[in-house]
């Protein structure tokens, strides 16, 4: 079997790395194309995953359209030479459109309800769209809900074990409590019109925490100099070890907040964007969600004053994960038994229980 995987964001590297390893060990051929976005290429290099770069992309509407044509042509040329049986991506319009041109199935994932623009360009050309069970949008017959979250593709206990040496990498003593802050750049299409923590609150959080906890910031882009001194200095591939051992996470990024839910790390999520998987995890007491900075400082005080915060969060995490599947196993079965696997999932919801 030959599969072309298109990667457009660092998170997608994590989504598919275990699938790639499993399928290659089974003798299947994988070709990876990847956008040069943030640390995507760095992660691929660290995981020793060969890839072809399709460039950086553009920000303006006209630039995005021109880039789409260039990226489609790039993928088309690679695909004509590689001759894939299938295409796989996370909402990639380029993989979807080229797969349609070549009359090959495109299987994709989507967990962002507000990503309507991208959906217009990938959905008509895709065959299957996997969405988490808590996804709030209805995408029609192509949509298949799975009982899990995207982050379980790489943070499921079958694949991830925290590295205790992360304290050494952070330059602190083993067991020393620390808090990770995450600030986003607000440049993504689905971030338009959204907001998170204001600068005043960011500074107030650090002042509130710095005497009792080491504070680290993971941020997209530049920050004011007084915040820059807290920027975390680790390899991008180590961020999940950092999250797993943190006392608390406070951030604007939905992905890292959801990763904390998978790891049992208490998390405060501040973002005006409403997402189904965030609502589900908040309902289960794994994430404290805020639409703005209002109330965040009081919640930090409340959480850190509780003696059993870490233990109670991990107990809630264990209960949640006992109900979830291993989505990587589902993905392997999808390709190895396509299209019968898709028909089975559409006809019988219990079919997914075999992937626990």
Protein backbone atom coordinates (compact mmCIF):
# COMPACT_ATOMS: atom_id res chain seq x y z
CA UNK A 1 0.00 0.00 0.00
CA UNK A 2 1.19 3.52 -0.83
CA UNK A 3 -0.05 6.54 1.16
CA UNK A 4 0.68 10.23 0.61
CA UNK A 5 0.38 12.28 3.83
CA UNK A 6 0.23 16.07 3.66
CA UNK A 7 1.23 17.96 6.81
CA UNK A 8 0.42 21.65 7.28
CA UNK A 9 1.12 22.31 10.96
CA UNK A 10 3.44 21.03 13.71
CA UNK A 11 0.49 19.29 15.40
CA UNK A 12 -0.04 17.16 12.30
CA UNK A 13 3.42 15.65 12.72
CA UNK A 14 2.32 14.35 16.11
CA UNK A 15 -1.04 13.19 14.76
CA UNK A 16 0.48 10.89 12.17
CA UNK A 17 3.95 9.92 13.46
CA UNK A 18 2.79 6.69 15.16
CA UNK A 19 0.63 5.74 12.19
CA UNK A 20 3.61 6.26 9.87
CA UNK A 21 5.86 4.10 12.04
CA UNK A 22 3.30 1.29 12.30
CA UNK A 23 2.48 1.27 8.59
CA UNK A 24 6.13 1.35 7.52
CA UNK A 25 6.89 -1.55 9.88
CA UNK A 26 4.10 -3.43 8.14
CA UNK A 27 5.81 -2.85 4.79
CA UNK A 28 3.67 -0.01 3.44
CA UNK A 29 5.20 2.98 1.62
CA UNK A 30 4.61 6.50 2.94
CA UNK A 31 5.43 9.80 1.22
CA UNK A 32 5.23 12.99 3.30
CA UNK A 33 4.75 16.52 1.99
CA UNK A 34 4.93 19.35 4.52
CA UNK A 35 4.40 23.08 4.75
CA UNK A 36 7.25 25.08 6.27
CA UNK A 37 5.22 26.42 9.20
CA UNK A 38 6.70 27.17 12.62
CA UNK A 39 8.62 24.04 13.79
CA UNK A 40 6.99 21.53 11.42
CA UNK A 41 10.18 20.70 9.53
CA UNK A 42 12.21 20.66 12.74
CA UNK A 43 9.87 18.06 14.23
CA UNK A 44 9.99 15.92 11.11
CA UNK A 45 13.77 16.03 11.20
CA UNK A 46 13.88 15.14 14.90
CA UNK A 47 11.62 12.14 14.31
CA UNK A 48 13.73 11.18 11.26
CA UNK A 49 10.76 11.40 8.90
CA UNK A 50 11.79 12.25 5.34
CA UNK A 51 9.58 14.79 3.62
CA UNK A 52 9.22 17.15 0.68
CA UNK A 53 8.65 20.81 1.54
CA UNK A 54 5.79 22.62 -0.18
CA UNK A 55 6.93 26.05 1.03
CA UNK A 56 5.80 28.56 3.60
CA UNK A 57 2.35 29.61 2.45
CA UNK A 58 0.90 33.13 2.37
CA UNK A 59 -1.21 35.35 4.63
CA UNK A 60 -3.29 37.49 2.25
CA UNK A 61 -6.41 36.14 0.51
CA UNK A 62 -4.85 36.47 -2.95
CA UNK A 63 -1.59 35.02 -1.68
CA UNK A 64 -3.42 32.02 -0.21
CA UNK A 65 -5.16 31.38 -3.53
CA UNK A 66 -1.90 31.56 -5.47
CA UNK A 67 -0.25 29.31 -2.91
CA UNK A 68 -3.08 26.78 -3.23
CA UNK A 69 -2.46 26.51 -6.97
CA UNK A 70 1.28 26.11 -6.42
CA UNK A 71 0.83 23.57 -3.63
CA UNK A 72 -1.68 21.58 -5.68
CA UNK A 73 0.76 21.46 -8.58
CA UNK A 74 3.58 20.44 -6.22
CA UNK A 75 1.55 17.60 -4.70
CA UNK A 76 0.28 16.55 -8.11
CA UNK A 77 3.81 16.13 -9.45
CA UNK A 78 4.90 14.19 -6.36
CA UNK A 79 1.81 12.01 -6.48
CA UNK A 80 2.15 11.22 -10.19
CA UNK A 81 5.64 9.89 -9.48
CA UNK A 82 4.82 8.15 -6.17
CA UNK A 83 1.49 6.68 -7.37
CA UNK A 84 -0.31 6.61 -3.98
CA UNK A 85 -3.29 4.38 -3.32
CA UNK A 86 -4.59 6.81 -0.68
CA UNK A 87 -4.16 10.36 0.63
CA UNK A 88 -4.27 11.29 4.33
CA UNK A 89 -4.30 14.71 6.03
CA UNK A 90 -5.82 17.00 8.61
CA UNK A 91 -8.10 19.31 6.56
CA UNK A 92 -5.58 19.71 3.73
CA UNK A 93 -7.29 21.20 0.64
CA UNK A 94 -4.19 20.34 -1.40
CA UNK A 95 -4.27 16.62 -0.60
CA UNK A 96 -8.04 16.59 -1.11
CA UNK A 97 -7.97 18.30 -4.49
CA UNK A 98 -5.05 16.28 -5.86
CA UNK A 99 -6.59 13.02 -4.66
CA UNK A 100 -9.77 13.95 -6.53
CA UNK A 101 -7.81 14.70 -9.70
CA UNK A 102 -6.10 11.32 -9.45
CA UNK A 103 -9.32 9.53 -8.43
CA UNK A 104 -7.83 8.22 -5.20
CA UNK A 105 -9.52 8.24 -1.76
CA UNK A 106 -8.69 11.10 0.59
CA UNK A 107 -9.18 10.43 4.32
CA UNK A 108 -8.96 13.42 6.62
CA UNK A 109 -9.58 14.60 10.19
CA UNK A 110 -11.28 17.77 11.42
CA UNK A 111 -11.88 18.99 14.98
CA UNK A 112 -12.22 22.76 14.48
CA UNK A 113 -15.84 23.82 14.03
CA UNK A 114 -14.93 27.37 12.98
CA UNK A 115 -12.55 26.34 10.18
CA UNK A 116 -15.25 26.99 7.59
CA UNK A 117 -12.95 28.46 4.95
CA UNK A 118 -10.67 25.41 4.84
CA UNK A 119 -13.72 23.14 4.82
CA UNK A 120 -14.99 24.68 1.59
CA UNK A 121 -11.80 23.64 -0.16
CA UNK A 122 -11.28 20.14 1.23
CA UNK A 123 -14.73 18.66 1.96
CA UNK A 124 -16.09 18.39 -1.61
CA UNK A 125 -12.98 16.45 -2.67
CA UNK A 126 -12.67 14.11 0.34
CA UNK A 127 -14.09 10.64 0.89
CA UNK A 128 -14.03 10.34 4.68
CA UNK A 129 -13.85 12.98 7.43
CA UNK A 130 -13.14 11.70 10.93
CA UNK A 131 -14.28 14.03 13.71
CA UNK A 132 -14.21 13.62 17.52
CA UNK A 133 -17.51 12.46 19.04
CA UNK A 134 -18.03 15.92 20.58
CA UNK A 135 -17.63 17.82 17.28
CA UNK A 136 -20.54 20.26 17.08
CA UNK A 137 -20.90 20.58 13.28
CA UNK A 138 -22.68 18.21 10.93
CA UNK A 139 -20.70 17.54 7.73
CA UNK A 140 -22.96 15.04 6.01
CA UNK A 141 -22.49 11.43 4.92
CA UNK A 142 -18.70 11.69 4.66
CA UNK A 143 -18.39 12.42 8.39
CA UNK A 144 -17.58 9.61 10.82
CA UNK A 145 -17.39 10.40 14.54
CA UNK A 146 -14.79 8.55 16.59
CA UNK A 147 -14.85 8.09 20.34
CA UNK A 148 -11.69 10.00 21.16
CA UNK A 149 -9.70 13.18 20.67
CA UNK A 150 -7.02 14.11 18.12
CA UNK A 151 -4.41 14.30 20.90
CA UNK A 152 -4.85 10.58 21.62
CA UNK A 153 -3.22 9.85 18.27
CA UNK A 154 0.08 10.56 20.04
CA UNK A 155 -0.59 10.86 23.78
CA UNK A 156 -2.38 7.54 24.21
CA UNK A 157 -0.68 5.44 26.91
CA UNK A 158 0.34 2.89 24.26
CA UNK A 159 2.71 5.47 22.75
CA UNK A 160 3.61 8.18 25.27
CA UNK A 161 5.56 7.96 28.51
CA UNK A 162 6.82 11.21 30.14
CA UNK A 163 10.58 11.61 30.26
CA UNK A 164 11.62 12.29 33.89
CA UNK A 165 14.81 13.95 32.62
CA UNK A 166 12.73 16.92 31.47
CA UNK A 167 13.54 18.70 34.74
CA UNK A 168 17.21 18.61 33.80
CA UNK A 169 16.39 19.96 30.33
CA UNK A 170 14.50 22.83 31.97
CA UNK A 171 17.41 23.60 34.28
CA UNK A 172 15.49 22.94 37.50
CA UNK A 173 15.64 20.37 40.29
CA UNK A 174 13.63 17.12 39.90
CA UNK A 175 10.14 17.65 41.25
CA UNK A 176 10.44 21.45 41.43
CA UNK A 177 6.98 22.88 40.70
CA UNK A 178 6.60 24.94 37.55
CA UNK A 179 3.83 26.50 35.47
CA UNK A 180 3.73 26.68 31.66
CA UNK A 181 2.08 29.61 29.90
CA UNK A 182 1.10 29.40 26.23
CA UNK A 183 0.48 32.48 24.08
CA UNK A 184 -0.64 32.22 20.45
CA UNK A 185 -0.10 34.60 17.54
CA UNK A 186 -3.76 34.77 16.39
CA UNK A 187 -2.74 34.45 12.72
CA UNK A 188 -4.68 31.31 11.79
CA UNK A 189 -7.83 31.65 9.68
CA UNK A 190 -10.04 30.34 12.49
CA UNK A 191 -8.43 32.86 14.93
CA UNK A 192 -9.72 35.90 13.06
CA UNK A 193 -11.85 37.99 15.42
CA UNK A 194 -10.89 35.87 18.44
CA UNK A 195 -8.92 36.85 21.53
CA UNK A 196 -7.38 35.50 24.73
CA UNK A 197 -5.30 36.94 27.56
CA UNK A 198 -4.60 40.68 27.54
CA UNK A 199 -1.02 41.83 28.15
CA UNK A 200 -1.83 43.26 31.57
CA UNK A 201 -3.17 39.90 32.75
CA UNK A 202 -0.19 38.03 31.33
CA UNK A 203 2.12 40.18 33.42
CA UNK A 204 -0.11 39.85 36.48
CA UNK A 205 -0.08 36.04 36.18
CA UNK A 206 3.71 35.97 36.20
CA UNK A 207 3.88 38.30 39.21
CA UNK A 208 1.38 36.07 41.02
CA UNK A 209 3.34 32.87 40.35
CA UNK A 210 7.04 33.63 40.13
CA UNK A 211 7.83 33.52 43.88
CA UNK A 212 6.55 29.95 44.36
CA UNK A 213 6.86 28.44 40.88
CA UNK A 214 9.26 28.52 37.98
CA UNK A 215 7.41 30.13 35.12
CA UNK A 216 8.00 29.15 31.49
CA UNK A 217 6.35 30.67 28.42
CA UNK A 218 5.81 28.88 25.12
CA UNK A 219 4.84 31.57 22.61
CA UNK A 220 4.34 32.04 18.89
CA UNK A 221 6.28 35.05 17.62
CA UNK A 222 7.94 37.77 19.68
CA UNK A 223 6.99 39.07 23.13
CA UNK A 224 7.80 42.20 25.18
CA UNK A 225 11.26 41.99 26.68
CA UNK A 226 10.02 41.54 30.25
CA UNK A 227 8.16 38.40 29.12
CA UNK A 228 10.83 37.17 26.73
CA UNK A 229 13.09 36.20 29.64
CA UNK A 230 10.62 33.44 30.56
CA UNK A 231 10.58 31.83 27.10
CA UNK A 232 11.11 28.10 27.37
CA UNK A 233 14.27 26.71 25.75
CA UNK A 234 13.67 23.10 24.78
CA UNK A 235 13.37 21.03 21.65
CA UNK A 236 9.81 21.17 20.22
CA UNK A 237 9.60 17.38 20.54
CA UNK A 238 9.92 17.70 24.35
CA UNK A 239 6.88 19.90 24.92
CA UNK A 240 4.64 16.99 25.94
CA UNK A 241 7.12 15.95 28.62
CA UNK A 242 6.95 19.53 29.89
CA UNK A 243 3.14 19.47 29.95
CA UNK A 244 3.02 16.08 31.67
CA UNK A 245 5.15 17.25 34.63
CA UNK A 246 3.78 20.79 34.98
CA UNK A 247 1.90 21.86 38.10
CA UNK A 248 -0.46 23.97 35.99
CA UNK A 249 -0.96 25.06 32.39
CA UNK A 250 -2.41 28.48 31.51
CA UNK A 251 -2.78 29.33 27.86
CA UNK A 252 -4.61 30.49 24.77
CA UNK A 253 -3.87 27.41 22.67
CA UNK A 254 -6.63 24.78 22.47
CA UNK A 255 -4.28 22.00 21.42
CA UNK A 256 -1.99 22.31 24.44
CA UNK A 257 -4.96 22.61 26.79
CA UNK A 258 -6.43 19.43 25.34
CA UNK A 259 -3.04 17.73 25.60
CA UNK A 260 -3.08 18.57 29.31
CA UNK A 261 -6.47 16.86 29.59
CA UNK A 262 -4.98 13.70 28.06
CA UNK A 263 -2.03 13.89 30.48
CA UNK A 264 -3.96 14.75 33.63
CA UNK A 265 -2.34 18.17 34.04
CA UNK A 266 -4.62 20.92 35.43
CA UNK A 267 -5.27 23.51 32.72
CA UNK A 268 -6.78 26.97 32.33
CA UNK A 269 -7.79 27.78 28.74
CA UNK A 270 -8.42 31.40 27.75
CA UNK A 271 -9.84 31.86 24.26
CA UNK A 272 -13.06 33.31 22.85
CA UNK A 273 -13.19 30.48 20.28
CA UNK A 274 -15.69 27.76 21.21
CA UNK A 275 -14.72 24.18 20.35
CA UNK A 276 -16.58 20.94 20.96
CA UNK A 277 -13.65 19.06 22.44
CA UNK A 278 -12.87 21.94 24.80
CA UNK A 279 -16.47 21.96 26.03
CA UNK A 280 -16.35 18.20 26.59
CA UNK A 281 -13.13 18.35 28.58
CA UNK A 282 -14.37 21.32 30.59
CA UNK A 283 -17.58 19.44 31.40
CA UNK A 284 -15.45 16.61 32.79
CA UNK A 285 -13.54 19.01 35.05
CA UNK A 286 -10.22 18.65 33.22
CA UNK A 287 -10.05 22.20 31.86
CA UNK A 288 -11.21 25.54 33.26
CA UNK A 289 -12.34 27.61 30.27
CA UNK A 290 -12.54 31.40 30.02
CA UNK A 291 -13.60 33.57 27.08
CA UNK A 292 -11.44 36.50 28.26
CA UNK A 293 -9.01 37.48 31.02
CA UNK A 294 -11.82 38.19 33.48
CA UNK A 295 -11.69 35.78 36.42
CA UNK A 296 -8.47 34.03 35.41
CA UNK A 297 -6.35 35.28 38.32
CA UNK A 298 -8.97 34.18 40.86
CA UNK A 299 -9.14 30.71 39.26
CA UNK A 300 -5.35 30.38 39.45
CA UNK A 301 -5.46 31.13 43.18
CA UNK A 302 -8.31 28.68 43.68
CA UNK A 303 -6.62 25.82 41.84
CA UNK A 304 -3.19 26.24 43.40
CA UNK A 305 -4.62 26.44 46.91
CA UNK A 306 -6.05 22.92 46.57
CA UNK A 307 -3.77 20.21 47.96
CA UNK A 308 -5.05 17.34 45.79
CA UNK A 309 -5.27 19.24 42.48
CA UNK A 310 -2.89 16.98 40.54
CA UNK A 311 -4.30 13.71 41.89
CA UNK A 312 -7.95 14.66 41.35
CA UNK A 313 -7.22 15.80 37.78
CA UNK A 314 -5.49 12.52 36.98
CA UNK A 315 -8.43 10.55 38.38
CA UNK A 316 -10.83 12.46 36.13
CA UNK A 317 -8.46 11.89 33.20
CA UNK A 318 -8.36 8.13 33.85
CA UNK A 319 -12.16 7.92 33.91
CA UNK A 320 -12.40 9.80 30.62
CA UNK A 321 -9.74 7.79 28.83
CA UNK A 322 -11.32 4.49 29.91
CA UNK A 323 -14.21 5.41 27.61
CA UNK A 324 -12.03 6.41 24.64
CA UNK A 325 -10.48 4.40 21.81
CA UNK A 326 -6.92 4.43 20.48
CA UNK A 327 -7.50 6.45 17.26
CA UNK A 328 -4.18 5.34 15.73
CA UNK A 329 -5.40 1.73 15.80
CA UNK A 330 -8.62 2.90 14.14
CA UNK A 331 -6.62 4.68 11.44
CA UNK A 332 -4.46 1.62 10.71
CA UNK A 333 -7.59 -0.53 10.40
CA UNK A 334 -9.22 2.09 8.18
CA UNK A 335 -6.49 1.83 5.56
CA UNK A 336 -5.80 -1.88 5.81
CA UNK A 337 -9.48 -2.77 5.38
CA UNK A 338 -10.72 0.13 3.23
CA UNK A 339 -13.57 0.50 2.25
CA UNK A 340 -15.02 -2.29 4.41
CA UNK A 341 -13.73 -0.58 7.57
CA UNK A 342 -15.61 2.62 6.73
CA UNK A 343 -18.82 0.73 5.99
CA UNK A 344 -18.51 -1.11 9.31
CA UNK A 345 -18.11 2.15 11.24
CA UNK A 346 -21.08 3.72 9.47
CA UNK A 347 -23.33 0.73 10.10
CA UNK A 348 -22.22 -0.26 13.60
CA UNK A 349 -21.04 2.31 16.14
CA UNK A 350 -19.79 -0.50 18.41
CA UNK A 351 -17.24 -1.47 15.74
CA UNK A 352 -14.90 1.15 17.22
CA UNK A 353 -14.75 -0.64 20.59
CA UNK A 354 -12.20 -3.03 19.12
CA UNK A 355 -9.70 -0.16 19.07
CA UNK A 356 -9.60 0.38 22.85
